[in-house]
Amino acid sequence: MVNTVRRFLAYTALFCAVAALATGCGRKSDLDPPSLAAADKNNRNAKPVAAPKPDKPFFLDPLL
């Protein structure tokens, strides 16, 4: 019985950790700007940038 309780607590802790990590994936903003050296390197291989897509609301957005 003790092993069952420990296993249940371990799975619950693992599930809570995964859930906490997954909530950090929902950051809604632009990417962080690159460092200056990386920006210079990217300017040499620059491709045309597409226009940003309009924001489409998702039906679960009010919950966030």
N, C-alpha and C. Protein backbone atom coordinates (compact mmCIF):
# COMPACT_ATOMS: atom_id res chain seq x y z
N MET A 1 0.82 -1.19 0.00
CA MET A 1 0.00 0.00 0.00
C MET A 1 0.86 1.26 0.00
N VAL A 2 1.96 1.23 0.73
CA VAL A 2 2.83 2.39 0.79
C VAL A 2 3.43 2.69 -0.58
N ASN A 3 3.80 1.62 -1.31
CA ASN A 3 4.36 1.81 -2.64
C ASN A 3 3.33 2.41 -3.59
N THR A 4 2.07 2.06 -3.44
CA THR A 4 1.01 2.60 -4.28
C THR A 4 0.85 4.10 -4.02
N VAL A 5 0.88 4.48 -2.77
CA VAL A 5 0.75 5.89 -2.41
C VAL A 5 1.95 6.67 -2.94
N ARG A 6 3.14 6.13 -2.78
CA ARG A 6 4.35 6.81 -3.27
C ARG A 6 4.32 6.95 -4.79
N ARG A 7 3.89 5.88 -5.46
CA ARG A 7 3.81 5.93 -6.92
C ARG A 7 2.79 6.98 -7.36
N PHE A 8 1.64 7.02 -6.68
CA PHE A 8 0.61 8.02 -6.99
C PHE A 8 1.16 9.43 -6.78
N LEU A 9 1.84 9.66 -5.69
CA LEU A 9 2.41 10.99 -5.42
C LEU A 9 3.49 11.34 -6.44
N ALA A 10 4.29 10.36 -6.85
CA ALA A 10 5.33 10.62 -7.84
C ALA A 10 4.71 10.99 -9.18
N TYR A 11 3.68 10.25 -9.60
CA TYR A 11 3.00 10.57 -10.86
C TYR A 11 2.31 11.92 -10.78
N THR A 12 1.71 12.23 -9.65
CA THR A 12 1.05 13.53 -9.48
C THR A 12 2.07 14.66 -9.56
N ALA A 13 3.21 14.49 -8.90
CA ALA A 13 4.25 15.53 -8.94
C ALA A 13 4.79 15.68 -10.36
N LEU A 14 4.98 14.58 -11.06
CA LEU A 14 5.45 14.64 -12.45
C LEU A 14 4.43 15.33 -13.33
N PHE A 15 3.16 15.01 -13.18
CA PHE A 15 2.11 15.66 -13.96
C PHE A 15 2.07 17.16 -13.67
N CYS A 16 2.18 17.55 -12.41
CA CYS A 16 2.16 18.98 -12.05
C CYS A 16 3.38 19.70 -12.62
N ALA A 17 4.53 19.06 -12.64
CA ALA A 17 5.73 19.69 -13.20
C ALA A 17 5.58 19.88 -14.71
N VAL A 18 5.07 18.87 -15.39
CA VAL A 18 4.86 18.99 -16.84
C VAL A 18 3.82 20.07 -17.13
N ALA A 19 2.76 20.13 -16.35
CA ALA A 19 1.73 21.15 -16.54
C ALA A 19 2.29 22.55 -16.31
N ALA A 20 3.14 22.70 -15.30
CA ALA A 20 3.74 24.01 -15.03
C ALA A 20 4.68 24.42 -16.16
N LEU A 21 5.43 23.49 -16.71
CA LEU A 21 6.31 23.80 -17.83
C LEU A 21 5.51 24.13 -19.08
N ALA A 22 4.41 23.45 -19.30
CA ALA A 22 3.61 23.68 -20.50
C ALA A 22 2.93 25.05 -20.45
N THR A 23 2.64 25.56 -19.28
CA THR A 23 1.99 26.87 -19.21
C THR A 23 2.94 27.98 -19.64
N GLY A 24 4.23 27.77 -19.52
CA GLY A 24 5.19 28.77 -19.98
C GLY A 24 5.32 28.84 -21.48
N CYS A 25 4.76 27.88 -22.19
CA CYS A 25 4.86 27.86 -23.66
C CYS A 25 3.87 28.80 -24.31
N GLY A 26 2.97 29.38 -23.56
CA GLY A 26 1.93 30.20 -24.14
C GLY A 26 2.25 31.68 -24.18
N ARG A 27 3.50 32.05 -24.14
CA ARG A 27 3.88 33.45 -24.15
C ARG A 27 3.51 34.08 -25.48
N LYS A 28 2.70 35.12 -25.46
CA LYS A 28 2.22 35.73 -26.69
C LYS A 28 2.91 37.07 -26.88
N SER A 29 4.00 37.05 -27.62
CA SER A 29 4.71 38.28 -27.95
C SER A 29 5.72 37.96 -29.04
N ASP A 30 6.45 38.96 -29.47
CA ASP A 30 7.48 38.75 -30.46
C ASP A 30 8.64 37.99 -29.84
N LEU A 31 9.48 37.43 -30.70
CA LEU A 31 10.66 36.75 -30.22
C LEU A 31 11.64 37.77 -29.65
N ASP A 32 12.49 37.34 -28.77
CA ASP A 32 13.51 38.22 -28.22
C ASP A 32 14.47 38.63 -29.34
N PRO A 33 14.94 39.87 -29.34
CA PRO A 33 15.86 40.29 -30.39
C PRO A 33 17.20 39.57 -30.28
N PRO A 34 17.83 39.25 -31.41
CA PRO A 34 19.12 38.57 -31.35
C PRO A 34 20.22 39.53 -30.91
N SER A 35 21.37 38.97 -30.57
CA SER A 35 22.49 39.81 -30.19
C SER A 35 22.99 40.58 -31.41
N LEU A 36 23.79 41.57 -31.21
CA LEU A 36 24.25 42.42 -32.31
C LEU A 36 25.09 41.62 -33.31
N ALA A 37 25.95 40.74 -32.85
CA ALA A 37 26.78 39.94 -33.76
C ALA A 37 25.91 39.02 -34.62
N ALA A 38 24.91 38.41 -34.02
CA ALA A 38 24.01 37.54 -34.78
C ALA A 38 23.19 38.36 -35.76
N ALA A 39 22.80 39.57 -35.38
CA ALA A 39 22.02 40.42 -36.28
C ALA A 39 22.86 40.81 -37.50
N ASP A 40 24.14 41.10 -37.31
CA ASP A 40 25.01 41.44 -38.44
C ASP A 40 25.18 40.24 -39.37
N LYS A 41 25.32 39.06 -38.80
CA LYS A 41 25.47 37.86 -39.61
C LYS A 41 24.20 37.60 -40.42
N ASN A 42 23.06 37.85 -39.82
CA ASN A 42 21.79 37.61 -40.50
C ASN A 42 21.54 38.65 -41.59
N ASN A 43 22.07 39.85 -41.46
CA ASN A 43 21.86 40.87 -42.49
C ASN A 43 22.54 40.49 -43.79
N ARG A 44 23.62 39.74 -43.73
CA ARG A 44 24.31 39.32 -44.95
C ARG A 44 23.48 38.31 -45.72
N ASN A 45 22.73 37.49 -45.02
CA ASN A 45 21.91 36.46 -45.65
C ASN A 45 20.42 36.82 -45.57
N ALA A 46 20.12 38.10 -45.62
CA ALA A 46 18.75 38.56 -45.40
C ALA A 46 17.84 38.14 -46.54
N LYS A 47 16.65 37.70 -46.15
CA LYS A 47 15.59 37.37 -47.10
C LYS A 47 14.46 38.34 -46.84
N PRO A 48 13.61 38.54 -47.84
CA PRO A 48 12.48 39.45 -47.61
C PRO A 48 11.58 38.94 -46.47
N VAL A 49 11.12 39.85 -45.67
CA VAL A 49 10.30 39.49 -44.51
C VAL A 49 8.84 39.61 -44.91
N ALA A 50 8.07 38.57 -44.61
CA ALA A 50 6.63 38.59 -44.90
C ALA A 50 5.91 39.49 -43.90
N ALA A 51 4.78 40.02 -44.33
CA ALA A 51 3.98 40.87 -43.45
C ALA A 51 3.42 40.00 -42.32
N PRO A 52 3.34 40.55 -41.12
CA PRO A 52 2.83 39.76 -40.00
C PRO A 52 1.36 39.38 -40.22
N LYS A 53 1.00 38.19 -39.77
CA LYS A 53 -0.37 37.72 -39.91
C LYS A 53 -1.25 38.39 -38.87
N PRO A 54 -2.49 38.68 -39.22
CA PRO A 54 -3.38 39.27 -38.21
C PRO A 54 -3.69 38.26 -37.11
N ASP A 55 -3.94 38.79 -35.93
CA ASP A 55 -4.21 37.94 -34.76
C ASP A 55 -5.61 37.35 -34.88
N LYS A 56 -5.70 36.01 -34.88
CA LYS A 56 -6.99 35.34 -34.90
C LYS A 56 -7.30 34.87 -33.49
N PRO A 57 -8.41 35.29 -32.94
CA PRO A 57 -8.74 34.84 -31.59
C PRO A 57 -9.05 33.35 -31.56
N PHE A 58 -8.67 32.71 -30.47
CA PHE A 58 -8.91 31.29 -30.25
C PHE A 58 -10.02 31.17 -29.22
N PHE A 59 -10.88 30.16 -29.34
CA PHE A 59 -12.05 30.10 -28.48
C PHE A 59 -11.72 29.91 -27.00
N LEU A 60 -10.48 29.49 -26.68
CA LEU A 60 -10.10 29.33 -25.28
C LEU A 60 -9.38 30.56 -24.72
N ASP A 61 -9.18 31.61 -25.54
CA ASP A 61 -8.48 32.81 -25.08
C ASP A 61 -9.11 33.45 -23.84
N PRO A 62 -10.43 33.50 -23.71
CA PRO A 62 -10.99 34.10 -22.49
C PRO A 62 -10.57 33.39 -21.21
N LEU A 63 -10.23 32.11 -21.30
CA LEU A 63 -9.80 31.38 -20.10
C LEU A 63 -8.42 31.79 -19.65
N LEU A 64 -7.61 32.30 -20.60
CA LEU A 64 -6.25 32.69 -20.25
C LEU A 64 -6.28 34.07 -19.66
